[in-house]
Amino acid sequence: MQSAENQERKSLWGSWKNFKIRTRLFIVAMMLFAIAGAAILGAWGVYKLGLTNDRGAVDDNNRYLANYKQHSMGDSLDVKQNDLKNYLQIAALSKFYPSNAEKILMAKNSSERADAADRMLYAAKMYLSETDKGAQYDKMCQELMQVYDRYAVTQDRENLIPWMNDSAWPVLKQAILKDKDAILDAARITGVEPRLIVGCLVGEQIRLFNSKREMYKRYLGPVKVLSVQSQFSFGVTGVKDYTAMLVEKHLTDTASPYYMGKAYEHILDFETADHATERYNRLVNYRNHLFSYIYTGCILHQTMLQWKRAGYDISDRPDILFTLFNLGFEVSKPKENPQCGGSRIRVGDREYTFGVIGSDFYFSGELTDEFPIQQKSFADV
């Protein structure tokens, strides 16, 4: 029997050897295809039977996470007050997990959802409850909330900054927003933070409104437009003629401490030979205030550079920049410990200075959606 099997193997081997190489390759290929097909069919069968499915599991924290909606809906606090309390909880979290607190704060400030911080803090507490720090965090939050709740929330809508309670301010804000595009364009052209230009505008317009209060209330208030000066000082920011001439000169004088750089040399080039008339028409334009803002941006930028080149950096001192804008180049003398001041402006029964009015606006939080406080106030020269 064994001999018969051996003979059969020899017969098969002999037959295989008799095949042409092309035939052998074809047979091998067909066998491989058959094996591959069987494997695919097998895998498909396993998949259809669901043998590869990961059935998953219900997380131990499912009930905690599911309860968030009930937790938040049961909170009767005013949305804004609850938002302020979230800051206290983030501050407490920073004592134990500063990295997480920082990320939650950044996410909160960039999110459009009112409940973003609430949900993130709620999720964080899920893991806090597993640690010893969790109990300390809860204790600190309770202490902070007790102090916070000790004082009643006032319903008074009065602004902390007294002059912003004046009737001129809401009217002026609306007028400023009408000029948003022109202000942003001028800021880009001059390399200056838009909010600095607006600070100069606010100081000058508040000064004008309160110097001729009844006239402005009667004529400009109802239509919510900016006052344009046409005598002594020009435009909506009160740029004097000789100051404008100095700005133009500084742009091209490479030896001047006010020189802004080659990129800015031609931003105020004239189109006619009559520079005086063209300058006046630029500034005293009742429909388009772009040039008023360009000259304002140049004054701010040139003054900052003058001080910086003298060894004093006032780029982060809006109060000083507003003061020097108001007083003019002739008063700008770089020195240590510059002082905020400028023209005196009476609003109601209180007296302010131009520099303080501008600084009040800059740090007030007003109009920050349109004119945010930027990381850098000036473009690099």
Foldseek 3Di string as FASTA:
>chain_A
DVVVVVVVVVVVVVVLVPDDPVVNVVVVVVVVVVVVVVVVVVVVVCVVVVVPDDPDDDDPCNVLLVCLVVVVVVDPDDLVVVVVLLVQLLVLVCVPPVVLSVVLVVCVVPDPDSCSSVSSSSVVLVVLVVDPVSVVSVVSSVVVVVVVVVDDDDPDPDAPPVLCNDPVNVLQLVQVVVCLVLLVVLCVLLQFQSLLLVLLLQLQQLQVCQVVVVVCVVPVSVVSHADADQPQFGASNRHGPVLLVVLLVLCPPPPDLLHPDPSNNCPPPDPDPPVSVVVSCQGHPRPHRNSVSNSLSSLLSSLQSSQVVVPHHCQVPSLQSQQDSQVDPVPRDHDPPDDGFADWGDRDNDIGGSSVSSVCSLPVPPPCVSRNDDPGRGDDD
